[in-house]
Amino acid sequence: MEKSIRTLLDKLGKKGFDTERKVNAIDMQVAYDSGLADELGGILALQKAIKSHSTYAFLMGGADQKPEKKEVKRNADDDRSTGTGVQTETYETGGY
């Protein structure tokens, strides 16, 4: 875990922001009133990670690969109902 993230979490914990719900409730005025104005960028990044269910990745400095889109060609034999020849469809790969 990066030192800056550990420092942010320590400061948040000492100020009473010890749950995800409490962290998500922090806005700029609350951060300023709590003496956390310098950590606003880190707070916003943590809030984004919580909302996207990637808190562990945030803490560990990691990220999942984004799925890439690929086109697949099918023959008319694969879908006899349309009778239009070759068709393409787009799908997303897992990215895990």
PDB file of N, CA and C in Angstrom:
ATOM      1  N   MET A   1       0.851  -1.169   0.000  1.00  0.00           N
ATOM      2  CA  MET A   1       0.000   0.000   0.000  1.00  0.00           C
ATOM      3  C   MET A   1       0.900   1.238   0.000  1.00  0.00           C
ATOM      4  N   GLU A   2       0.550   2.192  -0.818  1.00  0.00           N
ATOM      5  CA  GLU A   2       1.346   3.418  -0.901  1.00  0.00           C
ATOM      6  C   GLU A   2       1.250   4.209   0.402  1.00  0.00           C
ATOM      7  N   LYS A   3       2.331   4.918   0.697  1.00  0.00           N
ATOM      8  CA  LYS A   3       2.381   5.699   1.926  1.00  0.00           C
ATOM      9  C   LYS A   3       1.303   6.789   1.941  1.00  0.00           C
ATOM     10  N   SER A   4       1.038   7.417   0.782  1.00  0.00           N
ATOM     11  CA  SER A   4       0.036   8.488   0.727  1.00  0.00           C
ATOM     12  C   SER A   4      -1.370   7.956   1.028  1.00  0.00           C
ATOM     13  N   ILE A   5      -1.664   6.735   0.577  1.00  0.00           N
ATOM     14  CA  ILE A   5      -2.967   6.139   0.853  1.00  0.00           C
ATOM     15  C   ILE A   5      -3.077   5.786   2.330  1.00  0.00           C
ATOM     16  N   ARG A   6      -2.014   5.239   2.880  1.00  0.00           N
ATOM     17  CA  ARG A   6      -1.998   4.890   4.307  1.00  0.00           C
ATOM     18  C   ARG A   6      -2.186   6.153   5.160  1.00  0.00           C
ATOM     19  N   THR A   7      -1.521   7.234   4.787  1.00  0.00           N
ATOM     20  CA  THR A   7      -1.644   8.501   5.512  1.00  0.00           C
ATOM     21  C   THR A   7      -3.073   9.029   5.419  1.00  0.00           C
ATOM     22  N   LEU A   8      -3.656   8.966   4.221  1.00  0.00           N
ATOM     23  CA  LEU A   8      -5.038   9.409   4.036  1.00  0.00           C
ATOM     24  C   LEU A   8      -5.985   8.608   4.917  1.00  0.00           C
ATOM     25  N   LEU A   9      -5.838   7.286   4.909  1.00  0.00           N
ATOM     26  CA  LEU A   9      -6.718   6.438   5.713  1.00  0.00           C
ATOM     27  C   LEU A   9      -6.542   6.700   7.211  1.00  0.00           C
ATOM     28  N   ASP A  10      -5.309   6.935   7.629  1.00  0.00           N
ATOM     29  CA  ASP A  10      -5.061   7.261   9.042  1.00  0.00           C
ATOM     30  C   ASP A  10      -5.767   8.557   9.435  1.00  0.00           C
ATOM     31  N   LYS A  11      -5.641   9.583   8.588  1.00  0.00           N
ATOM     32  CA  LYS A  11      -6.274  10.871   8.885  1.00  0.00           C
ATOM     33  C   LYS A  11      -7.796  10.743   8.915  1.00  0.00           C
ATOM     34  N   LEU A  12      -8.341  10.007   7.931  1.00  0.00           N
ATOM     35  CA  LEU A  12      -9.795   9.817   7.900  1.00  0.00           C
ATOM     36  C   LEU A  12     -10.272   9.079   9.147  1.00  0.00           C
ATOM     37  N   GLY A  13      -9.563   8.036   9.532  1.00  0.00           N
ATOM     38  CA  GLY A  13      -9.933   7.268  10.723  1.00  0.00           C
ATOM     39  C   GLY A  13      -9.882   8.099  11.985  1.00  0.00           C
ATOM     40  N   LYS A  14      -8.852   8.926  12.122  1.00  0.00           N
ATOM     41  CA  LYS A  14      -8.714   9.767  13.318  1.00  0.00           C
ATOM     42  C   LYS A  14      -9.814  10.817  13.412  1.00  0.00           C
ATOM     43  N   LYS A  15     -10.350  11.233  12.252  1.00  0.00           N
ATOM     44  CA  LYS A  15     -11.426  12.230  12.224  1.00  0.00           C
ATOM     45  C   LYS A  15     -12.803  11.582  12.331  1.00  0.00           C
ATOM     46  N   GLY A  16     -12.852  10.241  12.432  1.00  0.00           N
ATOM     47  CA  GLY A  16     -14.125   9.556  12.615  1.00  0.00           C
ATOM     48  C   GLY A  16     -14.747   9.000  11.343  1.00  0.00           C
ATOM     49  N   PHE A  17     -14.068   9.123  10.230  1.00  0.00           N
ATOM     50  CA  PHE A  17     -14.582   8.589   8.964  1.00  0.00           C
ATOM     51  C   PHE A  17     -14.036   7.167   8.801  1.00  0.00           C
ATOM     52  N   ASP A  18     -14.703   6.233   9.488  1.00  0.00           N
ATOM     53  CA  ASP A  18     -14.174   4.880   9.553  1.00  0.00           C
ATOM     54  C   ASP A  18     -15.016   3.838   8.815  1.00  0.00           C
ATOM     55  N   THR A  19     -16.007   4.287   8.058  1.00  0.00           N
ATOM     56  CA  THR A  19     -16.795   3.367   7.236  1.00  0.00           C
ATOM     57  C   THR A  19     -16.932   3.945   5.834  1.00  0.00           C
ATOM     58  N   GLU A  20     -17.280   3.081   4.891  1.00  0.00           N
ATOM     59  CA  GLU A  20     -17.455   3.546   3.511  1.00  0.00           C
ATOM     60  C   GLU A  20     -18.588   4.563   3.423  1.00  0.00           C
ATOM     61  N   ARG A  21     -19.650   4.343   4.173  1.00  0.00           N
ATOM     62  CA  ARG A  21     -20.785   5.271   4.148  1.00  0.00           C
ATOM     63  C   ARG A  21     -20.359   6.655   4.633  1.00  0.00           C
ATOM     64  N   LYS A  22     -19.561   6.706   5.694  1.00  0.00           N
ATOM     65  CA  LYS A  22     -19.095   7.997   6.207  1.00  0.00           C
ATOM     66  C   LYS A  22     -18.148   8.677   5.224  1.00  0.00           C
ATOM     67  N   VAL A  23     -17.293   7.903   4.570  1.00  0.00           N
ATOM     68  CA  VAL A  23     -16.371   8.482   3.583  1.00  0.00           C
ATOM     69  C   VAL A  23     -17.159   9.040   2.399  1.00  0.00           C
ATOM     70  N   ASN A  24     -18.176   8.322   1.948  1.00  0.00           N
ATOM     71  CA  ASN A  24     -18.978   8.802   0.827  1.00  0.00           C
ATOM     72  C   ASN A  24     -19.768  10.053   1.175  1.00  0.00           C
ATOM     73  N   ALA A  25     -20.009  10.298   2.456  1.00  0.00           N
ATOM     74  CA  ALA A  25     -20.765  11.478   2.879  1.00  0.00           C
ATOM     75  C   ALA A  25     -19.904  12.737   2.947  1.00  0.00           C
ATOM     76  N   ILE A  26     -18.606  12.601   2.778  1.00  0.00           N
ATOM     77  CA  ILE A  26     -17.714  13.758   2.850  1.00  0.00           C
ATOM     78  C   ILE A  26     -17.882  14.604   1.593  1.00  0.00           C
ATOM     79  N   ASP A  27     -18.167  15.885   1.780  1.00  0.00           N
ATOM     80  CA  ASP A  27     -18.140  16.831   0.660  1.00  0.00           C
ATOM     81  C   ASP A  27     -17.066  17.880   0.957  1.00  0.00           C
ATOM     82  N   MET A  28     -16.909  18.837   0.090  1.00  0.00           N
ATOM     83  CA  MET A  28     -15.818  19.809   0.269  1.00  0.00           C
ATOM     84  C   MET A  28     -15.934  20.579   1.579  1.00  0.00           C
ATOM     85  N   GLN A  29     -17.146  20.970   1.962  1.00  0.00           N
ATOM     86  CA  GLN A  29     -17.317  21.723   3.198  1.00  0.00           C
ATOM     87  C   GLN A  29     -16.981  20.868   4.410  1.00  0.00           C
ATOM     88  N   VAL A  30     -17.421  19.621   4.410  1.00  0.00           N
ATOM     89  CA  VAL A  30     -17.120  18.713   5.521  1.00  0.00           C
ATOM     90  C   VAL A  30     -15.615  18.477   5.610  1.00  0.00           C
ATOM     91  N   ALA A  31     -14.962  18.285   4.460  1.00  0.00           N
ATOM     92  CA  ALA A  31     -13.507  18.087   4.451  1.00  0.00           C
ATOM     93  C   ALA A  31     -12.800  19.312   5.019  1.00  0.00           C
ATOM     94  N   TYR A  32     -13.229  20.491   4.613  1.00  0.00           N
ATOM     95  CA  TYR A  32     -12.619  21.727   5.103  1.00  0.00           C
ATOM     96  C   TYR A  32     -12.839  21.885   6.611  1.00  0.00           C
ATOM     97  N   ASP A  33     -14.075  21.663   7.046  1.00  0.00           N
ATOM     98  CA  ASP A  33     -14.393  21.803   8.474  1.00  0.00           C
ATOM     99  C   ASP A  33     -13.664  20.772   9.333  1.00  0.00           C
ATOM    100  N   SER A  34     -13.347  19.621   8.750  1.00  0.00           N
ATOM    101  CA  SER A  34     -12.660  18.552   9.489  1.00  0.00           C
ATOM    102  C   SER A  34     -11.149  18.652   9.403  1.00  0.00           C
ATOM    103  N   GLY A  35     -10.644  19.672   8.719  1.00  0.00           N
ATOM    104  CA  GLY A  35      -9.200  19.830   8.568  1.00  0.00           C
ATOM    105  C   GLY A  35      -8.608  18.881   7.542  1.00  0.00           C
ATOM    106  N   LEU A  36      -9.415  18.439   6.585  1.00  0.00           N
ATOM    107  CA  LEU A  36      -8.957  17.493   5.567  1.00  0.00           C
ATOM    108  C   LEU A  36      -8.907  18.123   4.171  1.00  0.00           C
ATOM    109  N   ALA A  37      -8.844  19.448   4.106  1.00  0.00           N
ATOM    110  CA  ALA A  37      -8.878  20.127   2.809  1.00  0.00           C
ATOM    111  C   ALA A  37      -7.702  19.712   1.920  1.00  0.00           C
ATOM    112  N   ASP A  38      -6.540  19.447   2.499  1.00  0.00           N
ATOM    113  CA  ASP A  38      -5.368  19.060   1.713  1.00  0.00           C
ATOM    114  C   ASP A  38      -5.506  17.657   1.124  1.00  0.00           C
ATOM    115  N   GLU A  39      -6.378  16.858   1.701  1.00  0.00           N
ATOM    116  CA  GLU A  39      -6.563  15.474   1.254  1.00  0.00           C
ATOM    117  C   GLU A  39      -7.761  15.306   0.330  1.00  0.00           C
ATOM    118  N   LEU A  40      -8.317  16.407  -0.177  1.00  0.00           N
ATOM    119  CA  LEU A  40      -9.543  16.331  -0.955  1.00  0.00           C
ATOM    120  C   LEU A  40      -9.390  15.453  -2.200  1.00  0.00           C
ATOM    121  N   GLY A  41      -8.263  15.537  -2.889  1.00  0.00           N
ATOM    122  CA  GLY A  41      -8.041  14.702  -4.071  1.00  0.00           C
ATOM    123  C   GLY A  41      -8.054  13.224  -3.737  1.00  0.00           C
ATOM    124  N   GLY A  42      -7.411  12.866  -2.645  1.00  0.00           N
ATOM    125  CA  GLY A  42      -7.397  11.471  -2.199  1.00  0.00           C
ATOM    126  C   GLY A  42      -8.773  11.003  -1.759  1.00  0.00           C
ATOM    127  N   ILE A  43      -9.520  11.894  -1.111  1.00  0.00           N
ATOM    128  CA  ILE A  43     -10.876  11.557  -0.672  1.00  0.00           C
ATOM    129  C   ILE A  43     -11.764  11.296  -1.880  1.00  0.00           C
ATOM    130  N   LEU A  44     -11.665  12.154  -2.889  1.00  0.00           N
ATOM    131  CA  LEU A  44     -12.469  11.966  -4.103  1.00  0.00           C
ATOM    132  C   LEU A  44     -12.115  10.662  -4.812  1.00  0.00           C
ATOM    133  N   ALA A  45     -10.828  10.332  -4.862  1.00  0.00           N
ATOM    134  CA  ALA A  45     -10.407   9.072  -5.484  1.00  0.00           C
ATOM    135  C   ALA A  45     -10.927   7.874  -4.701  1.00  0.00           C
ATOM    136  N   LEU A  46     -10.900   7.961  -3.378  1.00  0.00           N
ATOM    137  CA  LEU A  46     -11.414   6.880  -2.539  1.00  0.00           C
ATOM    138  C   LEU A  46     -12.925   6.737  -2.709  1.00  0.00           C
ATOM    139  N   GLN A  47     -13.638   7.859  -2.763  1.00  0.00           N
ATOM    140  CA  GLN A  47     -15.082   7.808  -2.977  1.00  0.00           C
ATOM    141  C   GLN A  47     -15.415   7.148  -4.316  1.00  0.00           C
ATOM    142  N   LYS A  48     -14.668   7.488  -5.344  1.00  0.00           N
ATOM    143  CA  LYS A  48     -14.881   6.893  -6.672  1.00  0.00           C
ATOM    144  C   LYS A  48     -14.634   5.381  -6.624  1.00  0.00           C
ATOM    145  N   ALA A  49     -13.589   4.966  -5.927  1.00  0.00           N
ATOM    146  CA  ALA A  49     -13.278   3.535  -5.807  1.00  0.00           C
ATOM    147  C   ALA A  49     -14.376   2.795  -5.046  1.00  0.00           C
ATOM    148  N   ILE A  50     -14.905   3.415  -4.008  1.00  0.00           N
ATOM    149  CA  ILE A  50     -15.983   2.791  -3.234  1.00  0.00           C
ATOM    150  C   ILE A  50     -17.222   2.628  -4.106  1.00  0.00           C
ATOM    151  N   LYS A  51     -17.573   3.657  -4.849  1.00  0.00           N
ATOM    152  CA  LYS A  51     -18.772   3.603  -5.689  1.00  0.00           C
ATOM    153  C   LYS A  51     -18.642   2.591  -6.820  1.00  0.00           C
ATOM    154  N   SER A  52     -17.426   2.393  -7.312  1.00  0.00           N
ATOM    155  CA  SER A  52     -17.228   1.437  -8.412  1.00  0.00           C
ATOM    156  C   SER A  52     -16.848   0.051  -7.899  1.00  0.00           C
ATOM    157  N   HIS A  53     -16.937  -0.154  -6.602  1.00  0.00           N
ATOM    158  CA  HIS A  53     -16.635  -1.448  -5.965  1.00  0.00           C
ATOM    159  C   HIS A  53     -15.204  -1.912  -6.261  1.00  0.00           C
ATOM    160  N   SER A  54     -14.285  -0.977  -6.250  1.00  0.00           N
ATOM    161  CA  SER A  54     -12.882  -1.321  -6.488  1.00  0.00           C
ATOM    162  C   SER A  54     -11.996  -0.781  -5.366  1.00  0.00           C
ATOM    163  N   THR A  55     -12.480  -0.840  -4.144  1.00  0.00           N
ATOM    164  CA  THR A  55     -11.743  -0.312  -2.999  1.00  0.00           C
ATOM    165  C   THR A  55     -10.416  -1.023  -2.809  1.00  0.00           C
ATOM    166  N   TYR A  56     -10.417  -2.341  -2.955  1.00  0.00           N
ATOM    167  CA  TYR A  56      -9.166  -3.096  -2.780  1.00  0.00           C
ATOM    168  C   TYR A  56      -8.138  -2.680  -3.824  1.00  0.00           C
ATOM    169  N   ALA A  57      -8.559  -2.508  -5.061  1.00  0.00           N
ATOM    170  CA  ALA A  57      -7.642  -2.070  -6.111  1.00  0.00           C
ATOM    171  C   ALA A  57      -7.087  -0.677  -5.782  1.00  0.00           C
ATOM    172  N   PHE A  58      -7.936   0.204  -5.251  1.00  0.00           N
ATOM    173  CA  PHE A  58      -7.479   1.530  -4.851  1.00  0.00           C
ATOM    174  C   PHE A  58      -6.415   1.420  -3.771  1.00  0.00           C
ATOM    175  N   LEU A  59      -6.676   0.597  -2.760  1.00  0.00           N
ATOM    176  CA  LEU A  59      -5.737   0.460  -1.651  1.00  0.00           C
ATOM    177  C   LEU A  59      -4.406  -0.132  -2.101  1.00  0.00           C
ATOM    178  N   MET A  60      -4.451  -1.065  -3.030  1.00  0.00           N
ATOM    179  CA  MET A  60      -3.243  -1.751  -3.479  1.00  0.00           C
ATOM    180  C   MET A  60      -2.597  -1.080  -4.697  1.00  0.00           C
ATOM    181  N   GLY A  61      -3.208  -0.014  -5.220  1.00  0.00           N
ATOM    182  CA  GLY A  61      -2.640   0.691  -6.359  1.00  0.00           C
ATOM    183  C   GLY A  61      -2.782  -0.070  -7.664  1.00  0.00           C
ATOM    184  N   GLY A  62      -3.731  -0.963  -7.747  1.00  0.00           N
ATOM    185  CA  GLY A  62      -3.926  -1.768  -8.950  1.00  0.00           C
ATOM    186  C   GLY A  62      -5.162  -1.349  -9.716  1.00  0.00           C
ATOM    187  N   ALA A  63      -5.350  -1.985 -10.861  1.00  0.00           N
ATOM    188  CA  ALA A  63      -6.533  -1.745 -11.688  1.00  0.00           C
ATOM    189  C   ALA A  63      -6.769  -2.953 -12.570  1.00  0.00           C
ATOM    190  N   ASP A  64      -8.033  -3.258 -12.801  1.00  0.00           N
ATOM    191  CA  ASP A  64      -8.384  -4.342 -13.708  1.00  0.00           C
ATOM    192  C   ASP A  64      -8.296  -3.845 -15.141  1.00  0.00           C
ATOM    193  N   GLN A  65      -8.013  -4.761 -16.039  1.00  0.00           N
ATOM    194  CA  GLN A  65      -7.998  -4.410 -17.450  1.00  0.00           C
ATOM    195  C   GLN A  65      -9.417  -4.146 -17.904  1.00  0.00           C
ATOM    196  N   LYS A  66      -9.561  -3.157 -18.783  1.00  0.00           N
ATOM    197  CA  LYS A  66     -10.873  -2.871 -19.334  1.00  0.00           C
ATOM    198  C   LYS A  66     -11.134  -3.848 -20.476  1.00  0.00           C
ATOM    199  N   PRO A  67     -12.369  -4.332 -20.576  1.00  0.00           N
ATOM    200  CA  PRO A  67     -12.666  -5.272 -21.661  1.00  0.00           C
ATOM    201  C   PRO A  67     -12.543  -4.583 -23.016  1.00  0.00           C
ATOM    202  N   GLU A  68     -12.065  -5.329 -23.981  1.00  0.00           N
ATOM    203  CA  GLU A  68     -11.957  -4.769 -25.320  1.00  0.00           C
ATOM    204  C   GLU A  68     -13.038  -5.365 -26.196  1.00  0.00           C
ATOM    205  N   LYS A  69     -13.534  -4.567 -27.137  1.00  0.00           N
ATOM    206  CA  LYS A  69     -14.617  -5.013 -27.999  1.00  0.00           C
ATOM    207  C   LYS A  69     -14.035  -5.690 -29.232  1.00  0.00           C
ATOM    208  N   LYS A  70     -14.639  -6.799 -29.594  1.00  0.00           N
ATOM    209  CA  LYS A  70     -14.211  -7.542 -30.775  1.00  0.00           C
ATOM    210  C   LYS A  70     -15.430  -7.839 -31.620  1.00  0.00           C
ATOM    211  N   GLU A  71     -15.231  -7.955 -32.929  1.00  0.00           N
ATOM    212  CA  GLU A  71     -16.313  -8.314 -33.828  1.00  0.00           C
ATOM    213  C   GLU A  71     -16.190  -9.773 -34.211  1.00  0.00           C
ATOM    214  N   VAL A  72     -17.316 -10.425 -34.305  1.00  0.00           N
ATOM    215  CA  VAL A  72     -17.363 -11.829 -34.686  1.00  0.00           C
ATOM    216  C   VAL A  72     -18.196 -11.937 -35.948  1.00  0.00           C
ATOM    217  N   LYS A  73     -17.684 -12.652 -36.942  1.00  0.00           N
ATOM    218  CA  LYS A  73     -18.441 -12.860 -38.169  1.00  0.00           C
ATOM    219  C   LYS A  73     -19.110 -14.219 -38.097  1.00  0.00           C
ATOM    220  N   ARG A  74     -20.367 -14.236 -38.520  1.00  0.00           N
ATOM    221  CA  ARG A  74     -21.106 -15.490 -38.565  1.00  0.00           C
ATOM    222  C   ARG A  74     -21.593 -15.714 -39.991  1.00  0.00           C
ATOM    223  N   ASN A  75     -21.659 -16.952 -40.384  1.00  0.00           N
ATOM    224  CA  ASN A  75     -22.207 -17.300 -41.691  1.00  0.00           C
ATOM    225  C   ASN A  75     -23.724 -17.298 -41.638  1.00  0.00           C
ATOM    226  N   ALA A  76     -24.346 -17.237 -42.797  1.00  0.00           N
ATOM    227  CA  ALA A  76     -25.798 -17.298 -42.867  1.00  0.00           C
ATOM    228  C   ALA A  76     -26.304 -18.613 -42.316  1.00  0.00           C
ATOM    229  N   ASP A  77     -25.487 -19.664 -42.376  1.00  0.00           N
ATOM    230  CA  ASP A  77     -25.892 -20.969 -41.852  1.00  0.00           C
ATOM    231  C   ASP A  77     -26.110 -20.922 -40.337  1.00  0.00           C
ATOM    232  N   ASP A  78     -25.422 -19.985 -39.660  1.00  0.00           N
ATOM    233  CA  ASP A  78     -25.559 -19.878 -38.214  1.00  0.00           C
ATOM    234  C   ASP A  78     -26.909 -19.297 -37.807  1.00  0.00           C
ATOM    235  N   ASP A  79     -27.501 -18.489 -38.673  1.00  0.00           N
ATOM    236  CA  ASP A  79     -28.785 -17.859 -38.363  1.00  0.00           C
ATOM    237  C   ASP A  79     -29.656 -17.930 -39.612  1.00  0.00           C
ATOM    238  N   ARG A  80     -30.410 -18.954 -39.744  1.00  0.00           N
ATOM    239  CA  ARG A  80     -31.210 -19.189 -40.946  1.00  0.00           C
ATOM    240  C   ARG A  80     -32.453 -18.306 -40.999  1.00  0.00           C
ATOM    241  N   SER A  81     -32.822 -17.678 -39.899  1.00  0.00           N
ATOM    242  CA  SER A  81     -34.065 -16.914 -39.884  1.00  0.00           C
ATOM    243  C   SER A  81     -33.982 -15.644 -40.720  1.00  0.00           C
ATOM    244  N   THR A  82     -32.792 -15.044 -40.866  1.00  0.00           N
ATOM    245  CA  THR A  82     -32.700 -13.786 -41.605  1.00  0.00           C
ATOM    246  C   THR A  82     -32.357 -14.005 -43.065  1.00  0.00           C
ATOM    247  N   GLY A  83     -31.549 -14.988 -43.354  1.00  0.00           N
ATOM    248  CA  GLY A  83     -31.180 -15.272 -44.734  1.00  0.00           C
ATOM    249  C   GLY A  83     -30.414 -14.145 -45.396  1.00  0.00           C
ATOM    250  N   THR A  84     -29.607 -13.413 -44.637  1.00  0.00           N
ATOM    251  CA  THR A  84     -28.918 -12.243 -45.191  1.00  0.00           C
ATOM    252  C   THR A  84     -27.450 -12.460 -45.465  1.00  0.00           C
ATOM    253  N   GLY A  85     -26.918 -13.636 -45.291  1.00  0.00           N
ATOM    254  CA  GLY A  85     -25.496 -13.867 -45.534  1.00  0.00           C
ATOM    255  C   GLY A  85     -24.676 -13.664 -44.289  1.00  0.00           C
ATOM    256  N   VAL A  86     -23.496 -13.052 -44.447  1.00  0.00           N
ATOM    257  CA  VAL A  86     -22.573 -12.871 -43.324  1.00  0.00           C
ATOM    258  C   VAL A  86     -23.038 -11.716 -42.453  1.00  0.00           C
ATOM    259  N   GLN A  87     -23.011 -11.955 -41.143  1.00  0.00           N
ATOM    260  CA  GLN A  87     -23.404 -10.933 -40.183  1.00  0.00           C
ATOM    261  C   GLN A  87     -22.277 -10.731 -39.189  1.00  0.00           C
ATOM    262  N   THR A  88     -22.237  -9.567 -38.583  1.00  0.00           N
ATOM    263  CA  THR A  88     -21.259  -9.317 -37.523  1.00  0.00           C
ATOM    264  C   THR A  88     -22.006  -8.906 -36.270  1.00  0.00           C
ATOM    265  N   GLU A  89     -21.406  -9.195 -35.145  1.00  0.00           N
ATOM    266  CA  GLU A  89     -21.953  -8.738 -33.871  1.00  0.00           C
ATOM    267  C   GLU A  89     -20.780  -8.357 -32.979  1.00  0.00           C
ATOM    268  N   THR A  90     -21.021  -7.423 -32.081  1.00  0.00           N
ATOM    269  CA  THR A  90     -19.981  -6.930 -31.187  1.00  0.00           C
ATOM    270  C   THR A  90     -20.238  -7.476 -29.788  1.00  0.00           C
ATOM    271  N   TYR A  91     -19.188  -7.886 -29.122  1.00  0.00           N
ATOM    272  CA  TYR A  91     -19.293  -8.354 -27.751  1.00  0.00           C
ATOM    273  C   TYR A  91     -18.065  -7.898 -26.990  1.00  0.00           C
ATOM    274  N   GLU A  92     -18.158  -7.912 -25.665  1.00  0.00           N
ATOM    275  CA  GLU A  92     -17.032  -7.520 -24.823  1.00  0.00           C
ATOM    276  C   GLU A  92     -16.387  -8.758 -24.225  1.00  0.00           C
ATOM    277  N   THR A  93     -15.055  -8.752 -24.215  1.00  0.00           N
ATOM    278  CA  THR A  93     -14.348  -9.857 -23.575  1.00  0.00           C
ATOM    279  C   THR A  93     -14.299  -9.603 -22.079  1.00  0.00           C
ATOM    280  N   GLY A  94     -13.999 -10.627 -21.324  1.00  0.00           N
ATOM    281  CA  GLY A  94     -14.050 -10.556 -19.851  1.00  0.00           C
ATOM    282  C   GLY A  94     -13.134  -9.526 -19.238  1.00  0.00           C
ATOM    283  N   GLY A  95     -11.898  -9.440 -19.622  1.00  0.00           N
ATOM    284  CA  GLY A  95     -10.973  -8.474 -19.030  1.00  0.00           C
ATOM    285  C   GLY A  95     -10.555  -8.807 -17.620  1.00  0.00           C
ATOM    286  N   TYR A  96     -10.743 -10.024 -17.153  1.00  0.00           N
ATOM    287  CA  TYR A  96     -10.367 -10.400 -15.782  1.00  0.00           C
ATOM    288  C   TYR A  96      -9.026 -11.036 -15.764  1.00  0.00           C
TER     289      TYR A  96
END
